[in-house]
Protein backbone atom coordinates (compact mmCIF):
# COMPACT_ATOMS: atom_id res chain seq x y z
CA MET A 1 0.00 0.00 0.00
CA VAL A 2 1.16 3.49 -0.85
CA GLU A 3 -0.52 5.88 1.55
CA GLY A 4 -2.80 8.43 -0.06
CA VAL A 5 -2.59 6.88 -3.54
CA THR A 6 -5.61 5.50 -5.36
CA ILE A 7 -5.38 3.27 -8.43
CA ARG A 8 -8.26 3.17 -10.86
CA ARG A 9 -9.01 2.52 -14.51
CA MET A 10 -7.98 5.36 -16.82
CA GLY A 11 -10.66 7.38 -18.59
CA ILE A 12 -10.66 9.87 -21.46
CA GLY A 13 -10.39 12.75 -18.99
CA ASP A 14 -7.01 11.45 -17.86
CA ALA A 15 -5.39 11.56 -21.32
CA ALA A 16 -3.78 15.01 -20.93
CA ALA A 17 -2.24 14.23 -17.54
CA VAL A 18 -1.01 10.83 -18.70
CA ALA A 19 0.47 12.34 -21.88
CA ALA A 20 2.29 14.96 -19.80
CA ILE A 21 3.91 12.26 -17.65
CA GLU A 22 4.73 10.28 -20.80
CA ALA A 23 6.37 13.32 -22.44
CA ALA A 24 8.48 14.01 -19.35
CA THR A 25 9.59 10.37 -19.17
CA PHE A 26 10.23 8.99 -22.65
CA ALA A 27 12.38 10.05 -25.62
CA ARG A 28 9.60 9.15 -28.08
CA PRO A 29 6.41 9.75 -26.09
CA TRP A 30 2.89 8.87 -27.08
CA SER A 31 0.71 11.93 -27.64
CA GLU A 32 -2.45 12.86 -25.79
CA GLU A 33 -4.34 11.88 -28.94
CA ALA A 34 -2.69 8.45 -28.92
CA PHE A 35 -3.94 7.85 -25.38
CA ARG A 36 -7.41 9.08 -26.33
CA GLN A 37 -7.44 6.64 -29.25
CA GLU A 38 -6.42 3.84 -26.91
CA MET A 39 -9.43 4.65 -24.71
CA GLU A 40 -11.93 5.19 -27.52
CA ARG A 41 -10.90 2.84 -30.31
CA ASN A 42 -8.74 0.02 -29.02
CA PRO A 43 -10.96 -2.69 -27.51
CA VAL A 44 -7.95 -4.67 -26.22
CA ALA A 45 -6.39 -1.71 -24.35
CA ARG A 46 -6.65 -1.32 -20.59
CA TYR A 47 -4.91 1.42 -18.62
CA LEU A 48 -4.76 2.24 -14.94
CA VAL A 49 -3.79 5.52 -13.30
CA ALA A 50 -2.44 6.27 -9.86
CA GLU A 51 -3.64 9.49 -8.30
CA ARG A 52 -2.98 11.44 -5.15
CA ASN A 53 -5.32 14.24 -4.09
CA GLY A 54 -7.13 14.01 -7.42
CA GLN A 55 -3.93 14.43 -9.48
CA VAL A 56 -2.71 11.69 -11.83
CA ILE A 57 0.84 10.80 -10.79
CA GLY A 58 1.42 7.61 -12.76
CA TYR A 59 -0.09 5.14 -15.18
CA ALA A 60 0.37 1.68 -16.61
CA GLY A 61 -1.29 0.06 -19.59
CA ALA A 62 -1.53 -3.15 -21.54
CA TRP A 63 -3.18 -4.83 -24.47
CA ILE A 64 -4.98 -8.14 -23.95
CA VAL A 65 -5.43 -10.56 -26.85
CA LEU A 66 -6.91 -13.93 -25.92
CA ASP A 67 -4.78 -15.12 -22.97
CA GLU A 68 -1.78 -12.88 -23.70
CA SER A 69 -1.22 -9.43 -22.28
CA HIS A 70 1.46 -7.02 -23.41
CA ILE A 71 2.47 -4.12 -21.17
CA THR A 72 2.62 -1.01 -23.37
CA ASN A 73 3.52 1.87 -21.04
CA VAL A 74 4.44 2.40 -17.41
CA ALA A 75 5.51 5.75 -15.97
CA VAL A 76 5.39 7.72 -12.74
CA ALA A 77 5.76 11.50 -12.44
CA GLU A 78 9.35 12.40 -11.63
CA THR A 79 8.43 13.97 -8.28
CA GLU A 80 6.70 10.73 -7.22
CA ARG A 81 9.38 8.22 -8.21
CA GLY A 82 11.01 6.02 -5.60
CA LYS A 83 7.87 5.89 -3.46
CA GLY A 84 6.56 2.48 -4.54
CA ILE A 85 3.96 3.83 -6.95
CA GLY A 86 5.37 2.07 -10.02
CA ILE A 87 5.35 -1.32 -8.35
CA ALA A 88 1.86 -0.70 -6.91
CA LEU A 89 0.59 0.18 -10.39
CA MET A 90 2.20 -2.91 -11.90
CA GLU A 91 0.87 -5.22 -9.18
CA LYS A 92 -2.64 -3.87 -9.71
CA LEU A 93 -2.27 -4.07 -13.51
CA LEU A 94 -1.15 -7.72 -13.37
CA TRP A 95 -4.08 -8.52 -11.07
CA TYR A 96 -6.43 -6.70 -13.44
CA LEU A 97 -5.05 -8.49 -16.52
CA SER A 98 -5.43 -11.86 -14.82
CA ASN A 99 -9.04 -11.09 -14.02
CA LEU A 100 -9.61 -10.15 -17.66
CA GLY A 101 -8.36 -13.58 -18.79
CA ALA A 102 -4.64 -13.09 -19.37
CA ALA A 103 -2.44 -16.05 -18.52
CA TYR A 104 0.87 -14.19 -18.88
CA ALA A 105 2.32 -10.76 -19.60
CA THR A 106 5.17 -9.54 -21.80
CA LEU A 107 7.00 -6.23 -22.08
CA GLU A 108 10.10 -4.62 -23.52
CA VAL A 109 12.53 -2.58 -21.46
CA ARG A 110 15.73 -0.76 -22.42
CA VAL A 111 18.86 -2.77 -21.66
CA SER A 112 20.19 0.35 -19.89
CA ASN A 113 17.13 0.74 -17.63
CA SER A 114 18.32 -1.34 -14.69
CA ARG A 115 15.88 0.31 -12.28
CA ALA A 116 12.85 -0.81 -14.31
CA GLN A 117 14.37 -4.25 -14.87
CA ALA A 118 14.78 -4.67 -11.11
CA MET A 119 11.13 -3.74 -10.55
CA TYR A 120 9.94 -6.17 -13.23
CA THR A 121 12.13 -8.94 -11.82
CA LYS A 122 10.66 -8.31 -8.35
CA LEU A 123 7.21 -8.79 -9.93
CA GLY A 124 8.18 -12.16 -11.40
CA PHE A 125 9.26 -11.18 -14.91
CA ILE A 126 12.20 -13.00 -16.46
CA LYS A 127 14.34 -12.05 -19.46
CA ALA A 128 13.20 -14.15 -22.40
CA GLY A 129 15.24 -12.58 -25.20
CA LYS A 130 16.70 -9.43 -26.63
CA ARG A 131 15.19 -7.24 -29.35
CA LYS A 132 18.09 -5.72 -31.29
CA LYS A 133 17.90 -1.97 -32.00
CA TYR A 134 14.34 -1.87 -30.66
CA TYR A 135 14.31 1.80 -29.65
CA GLU A 136 14.12 4.17 -32.60
CA ASP A 137 15.50 7.23 -30.79
CA ASN A 138 18.99 5.76 -30.30
CA GLY A 139 18.95 2.18 -31.61
CA GLU A 140 19.24 0.72 -28.12
CA ASP A 141 18.38 -2.95 -27.60
CA ALA A 142 15.46 -4.01 -25.43
CA TRP A 143 15.04 -6.97 -23.16
CA LEU A 144 11.87 -8.93 -23.81
CA MET A 145 10.60 -9.89 -20.39
CA VAL A 146 7.80 -12.33 -19.55
CA CYS A 147 5.76 -12.98 -16.42
CA GLU A 148 4.08 -16.36 -16.54
CA HIS A 149 2.71 -16.26 -12.99
CA LEU A 150 -0.04 -13.66 -12.80
CA PRO A 151 -2.13 -13.33 -9.65
CA GLU A 152 -5.05 -15.72 -9.39
CA ALA A 153 -8.25 -14.40 -10.97
CA GLU A 154 -11.17 -13.71 -8.67
CA ALA A 155 -14.42 -15.60 -9.31
CA ASP A 156 -16.57 -12.53 -8.58
CA PHE A 157 -14.48 -9.98 -10.51
CA THR A 158 -16.37 -7.18 -12.27
CA GLU A 159 -14.45 -4.90 -14.62
CA TRP A 160 -14.05 -1.32 -13.47
CA PRO A 161 -15.75 1.32 -15.63
CA ALA A 162 -13.25 3.62 -17.38
CA GLY A 163 -12.44 6.75 -15.39
CA GLN A 164 -14.66 5.87 -12.44
CA ARG A 165 -13.07 6.25 -9.07
CA THR A 166 -13.15 3.26 -6.79
CA GLU A 167 -12.16 2.62 -3.23
CA GLU A 168 -9.11 0.70 -4.43
CA GLU A 169 -5.99 2.03 -2.76
CA ALA A 170 -2.48 1.29 -3.93
């Protein structure tokens, strides 16, 4: 638990805040419009946001196709890093994906991003291969990581409506 942080499903109204965190974090960020399209037009996309005092401070998203889930984006606002928010988001996202029918999750991470790799390893991801020159901004390789042990799905799970606040705390 991260005190004072709530995790909920992302809605259209969160796109600007999420895009701002994305732009401050990544060399080739997704635009606000890209996040809006994910919410409006991509039926396999699911995103969660972390918020404190009504402000979005992080997000994580994935695509689910059949029993596979692929983590697309994870970021926490710079002022909130190192407080456990990233791992709380990822734990909740893996739980959510499991409840939506995913049996495993994959992601790519820069070979130079040891901090993220450590978090993913802590969550049960293992390195399954390397994608050569994966990142377009500098040609850096990416580790392909896989988590085959998602949390157990709950029998009475009901999907959260997009953007609706819940009592779920990180």
